Protein backbone atom coordinates (compact mmCIF):
# COMPACT_ATOMS: atom_id res chain seq x y z
CA MET A 1 18.09 38.49 -1.84
CA ILE A 2 17.37 34.80 -1.41
CA LYS A 3 17.06 32.77 -4.54
CA LYS A 4 14.55 30.05 -4.97
CA GLY A 5 15.99 26.82 -3.62
CA ASP A 6 18.24 28.60 -1.13
CA ASN A 7 17.27 28.21 2.48
CA MET A 8 17.22 31.07 4.98
CA LYS A 9 20.31 29.86 6.89
CA GLY A 10 22.80 30.19 4.01
CA ASN A 11 22.39 27.20 1.67
CA LYS A 12 22.99 24.50 4.31
CA LYS A 13 22.69 21.00 2.97
CA ILE A 14 21.33 18.01 4.88
CA PRO A 15 24.44 15.98 5.65
CA GLU A 16 24.95 12.31 4.88
CA PHE A 17 24.53 10.25 8.05
CA LYS A 18 26.45 7.13 9.01
CA SER A 19 23.91 5.98 11.58
CA TYR A 20 20.44 6.60 12.88
CA LYS A 21 22.03 7.88 16.11
CA GLU A 22 24.00 10.48 14.14
CA MET A 23 20.83 11.46 12.27
CA ALA A 24 18.89 11.81 15.52
CA GLU A 25 21.60 13.96 17.09
CA PHE A 26 21.61 16.20 14.06
CA TRP A 27 17.78 16.70 14.02
CA ASP A 28 17.76 17.19 17.81
CA THR A 29 19.74 20.39 17.25
CA HIS A 30 18.45 21.56 13.86
CA SER A 31 15.03 22.61 12.56
CA LEU A 32 13.54 20.79 9.56
CA ALA A 33 12.13 24.21 8.58
CA ASP A 34 15.63 25.30 7.67
CA TYR A 35 16.00 22.37 5.24
CA TRP A 36 12.39 22.05 3.98
CA ASP A 37 13.37 22.89 0.40
CA GLN A 38 15.52 19.75 0.31
CA THR A 39 12.75 17.38 1.28
CA GLU A 40 10.53 15.36 -1.03
CA PRO A 41 7.08 13.79 -0.60
CA ALA A 42 7.00 10.26 0.73
CA GLU A 43 4.17 7.69 0.66
CA PHE A 44 3.82 4.99 3.28
CA GLU A 45 1.22 3.03 5.13
CA ILE A 46 0.96 2.27 8.81
CA SER A 47 -0.69 -0.95 9.82
CA GLU A 48 -3.46 -0.68 12.39
CA GLN A 49 -1.86 -3.67 14.15
CA ALA A 50 1.51 -1.88 14.44
CA ARG A 51 0.39 0.25 17.41
CA ARG A 52 -1.83 -0.13 20.40
CA ARG A 53 -3.54 2.79 22.11
CA TYR A 54 -3.21 3.10 25.84
CA LEU A 55 -4.94 5.78 27.87
CA VAL A 56 -2.69 7.51 30.38
CA ALA A 57 -3.60 10.43 32.61
CA LEU A 58 -1.06 13.22 32.39
CA ASP A 59 -0.46 16.26 34.53
CA ARG A 60 -1.83 19.29 32.68
CA ASP A 61 1.51 21.16 32.74
CA LEU A 62 3.40 18.10 31.56
CA LEU A 63 1.01 17.65 28.59
CA SER A 64 1.41 21.36 27.72
CA ARG A 65 5.22 21.02 27.72
CA ILE A 66 5.04 17.93 25.57
CA GLN A 67 2.67 19.57 23.10
CA ARG A 68 4.85 22.69 22.88
CA ILE A 69 8.03 20.71 22.19
CA ALA A 70 6.20 18.50 19.69
CA ARG A 71 5.05 21.59 17.75
CA THR A 72 8.56 23.11 17.67
CA ARG A 73 9.96 19.83 16.30
CA GLY A 74 7.17 19.33 13.79
CA LEU A 75 5.99 16.13 15.45
CA SER A 76 2.67 14.93 16.73
CA THR A 77 2.28 14.74 20.50
CA GLU A 78 1.90 10.98 20.22
CA SER A 79 5.15 10.65 18.22
CA LEU A 80 7.13 12.73 20.68
CA VAL A 81 5.79 10.76 23.65
CA ASN A 82 6.77 7.48 21.92
CA LEU A 83 10.28 8.82 21.21
CA LEU A 84 10.78 10.04 24.76
CA LEU A 85 9.54 6.77 26.23
CA GLU A 86 11.80 4.74 23.89
CA GLN A 87 14.86 6.86 24.76
CA ARG A 88 14.26 6.67 28.48
CA LEU A 89 13.53 2.95 28.44
CA ARG A 90 16.80 2.30 26.59
CA GLU A 91 18.68 4.38 29.19
CA ILE A 92 17.10 2.35 32.02
CA GLU A 93 17.86 -0.92 30.24
CA VAL A 94 21.50 0.09 29.83
CA GLN A 95 21.77 1.09 33.49
CA THR A 96 20.14 -2.15 34.56
CA ALA A 97 22.45 -4.23 32.38
CA ASP A 98 25.45 -2.48 33.95
CA MET A 99 24.31 -3.27 37.52
CA PRO A 100 25.87 -6.25 39.27
CA SER A 101 23.42 -9.07 39.69
CA THR A 102 21.92 -9.45 43.17
CA ARG A 103 20.97 -13.05 42.58
CA SER A 104 22.98 -15.78 44.38
């Protein structure tokens, strides 16, 4: 029998993280649902100026895949798209920085 406060996966605790990267890697492989009892409400405001909306046409299958993954991770589709774009852009920037310069 599971006691109140125990989670379904055997009393796992959210670990302490040393960096955002370590935190991201943990949550990429774990479900928040397994740790929900350890969360607490948070209040915050998002400035309207913080984000700009940009209309982009997406392939129907691509949108379906994004929506499915967002749901399984407990994210909005918009948040997942922003995370994926940020990750990929950083990868491209690192690759570009490692390339020898072609300028004379």
